[in-house]
Amino acid sequence: MTEVYDYTPDYFIAGDEPLRTGLATVAAGQTFERLTPLMLQKDSGGGEDTSLLVVWDGTPGAAVAMSAKAVEALAADTAVPFYKTGCFRTSFVQWPDGVSDTLKQAAFLGSPISVNDEL
């Protein structure tokens, strides 16, 4: 008996920039989907650890990484895989609600990550 599988390609990569991954620590309590823009946690005066990744807050140029897998309500700070370089299709990225197209293009300015649906 022959098994038949459906192949559904994942076209989240745009262009020909190299795609590189790494491990970084995500702050406890974070929940996000795969391909969510991430930024370094800000110290809001409470002594927060600024070396931890959190979901991008919409600040232009603050996104420094893209999640490589979904994360659900971590009980403690946890190392997770992330993309540190590459060009991703804008339409595949899990953007926060209400983010404009202009802000999406500015999210990763200054980092080796870019987004584009036109490539």
Protein backbone atom coordinates (compact mmCIF):
# COMPACT_ATOMS: atom_id res chain seq x y z
CA MET A 1 0.00 0.00 0.00
CA THR A 2 1.31 3.43 -0.95
CA GLU A 3 0.88 6.36 1.40
CA VAL A 4 0.17 9.77 -0.09
CA TYR A 5 1.28 12.91 1.72
CA ASP A 6 0.24 16.48 1.05
CA TYR A 7 3.20 18.83 0.85
CA THR A 8 2.54 22.38 1.92
CA PRO A 9 5.64 24.52 1.45
CA ASP A 10 6.43 27.20 4.00
CA TYR A 11 7.20 30.34 2.02
CA PHE A 12 8.12 32.59 4.94
CA ILE A 13 11.58 33.38 3.54
CA ALA A 14 11.95 36.26 1.09
CA GLY A 15 15.02 37.09 -0.98
CA ASP A 16 18.39 35.40 -0.72
CA GLU A 17 19.77 36.75 2.56
CA PRO A 18 21.30 34.01 4.72
CA LEU A 19 18.99 32.57 7.37
CA ARG A 20 20.82 31.99 10.67
CA THR A 21 19.49 30.78 14.01
CA GLY A 22 20.68 30.94 17.58
CA LEU A 23 19.48 30.46 21.15
CA ALA A 24 18.50 33.35 23.39
CA THR A 25 16.70 33.63 26.71
CA VAL A 26 13.09 34.77 26.64
CA ALA A 27 11.59 36.41 29.71
CA ALA A 28 9.20 34.41 31.89
CA GLY A 29 5.51 34.84 31.11
CA GLN A 30 5.96 35.52 27.39
CA THR A 31 3.53 33.95 24.91
CA PHE A 32 3.95 34.31 21.15
CA GLU A 33 3.65 32.52 17.82
CA ARG A 34 6.42 31.42 15.49
CA LEU A 35 7.74 34.35 13.40
CA THR A 36 6.97 36.98 16.06
CA PRO A 37 9.31 39.99 16.18
CA LEU A 38 11.27 40.09 19.43
CA MET A 39 13.19 42.85 21.21
CA LEU A 40 15.36 43.16 24.27
CA GLN A 41 13.38 43.77 27.46
CA LYS A 42 13.45 47.40 28.62
CA ASP A 43 14.27 48.40 32.17
CA SER A 44 11.23 50.40 33.22
CA GLY A 45 12.80 51.27 36.54
CA GLY A 46 12.10 47.98 38.30
CA GLY A 47 15.51 46.48 37.62
CA GLU A 48 14.33 44.31 34.71
CA ASP A 49 16.98 42.15 33.05
CA THR A 50 17.67 43.88 29.73
CA SER A 51 19.39 40.81 28.24
CA LEU A 52 16.07 38.92 27.89
CA LEU A 53 13.93 38.82 24.75
CA VAL A 54 10.27 39.88 24.85
CA VAL A 55 7.62 40.49 22.19
CA TRP A 56 8.36 43.63 20.15
CA ASP A 57 6.40 46.64 21.42
CA GLY A 58 6.14 48.54 18.13
CA THR A 59 9.13 50.84 18.66
CA PRO A 60 10.86 51.47 15.29
CA GLY A 61 14.26 49.78 15.09
CA ALA A 62 13.83 47.93 18.41
CA ALA A 63 13.16 44.45 16.99
CA VAL A 64 16.38 42.40 17.02
CA ALA A 65 15.21 38.81 16.48
CA MET A 66 12.43 36.68 14.99
CA SER A 67 10.99 33.75 16.93
CA ALA A 68 11.74 30.39 15.33
CA LYS A 69 9.02 28.58 17.27
CA ALA A 70 5.89 29.32 19.26
CA VAL A 71 6.28 29.93 23.00
CA GLU A 72 3.48 29.66 25.54
CA ALA A 73 3.54 31.34 28.98
CA LEU A 74 6.97 30.35 30.17
CA ALA A 75 7.16 29.70 33.91
CA ALA A 76 10.77 30.90 34.03
CA ASP A 77 13.28 32.62 31.78
CA THR A 78 13.96 30.01 29.07
CA ALA A 79 16.40 29.64 26.16
CA VAL A 80 14.55 29.29 22.86
CA PRO A 81 15.63 29.23 19.20
CA PHE A 82 15.38 32.43 17.21
CA TYR A 83 16.33 33.75 13.78
CA LYS A 84 19.14 36.29 13.99
CA THR A 85 19.47 37.02 10.26
CA GLY A 86 17.33 36.71 7.16
CA CYS A 87 14.63 38.33 5.07
CA PHE A 88 11.08 37.28 5.96
CA ARG A 89 7.85 37.78 4.05
CA THR A 90 5.95 40.56 5.79
CA SER A 91 2.67 38.69 5.42
CA PHE A 92 4.02 35.65 7.36
CA VAL A 93 5.25 37.67 10.36
CA GLN A 94 3.03 37.66 13.47
CA TRP A 95 2.78 41.43 13.98
CA PRO A 96 1.13 43.05 17.01
CA ASP A 97 -2.40 44.26 16.27
CA GLY A 98 -2.66 47.69 14.68
CA VAL A 99 0.91 47.94 13.36
CA SER A 100 1.06 50.00 10.15
CA ASP A 101 2.93 48.90 7.02
CA THR A 102 5.43 51.73 7.58
CA LEU A 103 6.15 50.56 11.12
CA LYS A 104 6.57 46.97 9.92
CA GLN A 105 9.29 48.12 7.52
CA ALA A 106 10.99 50.06 10.35
CA ALA A 107 10.78 47.29 12.99
CA PHE A 108 14.19 45.73 12.30
CA LEU A 109 16.14 48.79 11.11
CA GLY A 110 19.76 48.43 12.17
CA SER A 111 19.54 44.64 12.57
CA PRO A 112 20.47 41.88 10.07
CA ILE A 113 16.77 41.02 9.70
CA SER A 114 14.50 42.54 7.08
CA VAL A 115 10.92 42.06 5.94
CA ASN A 116 9.54 42.30 2.43
CA ASP A 117 6.72 40.78 0.40
CA GLU A 118 7.98 42.15 -2.92
CA LEU A 119 11.01 39.88 -3.40
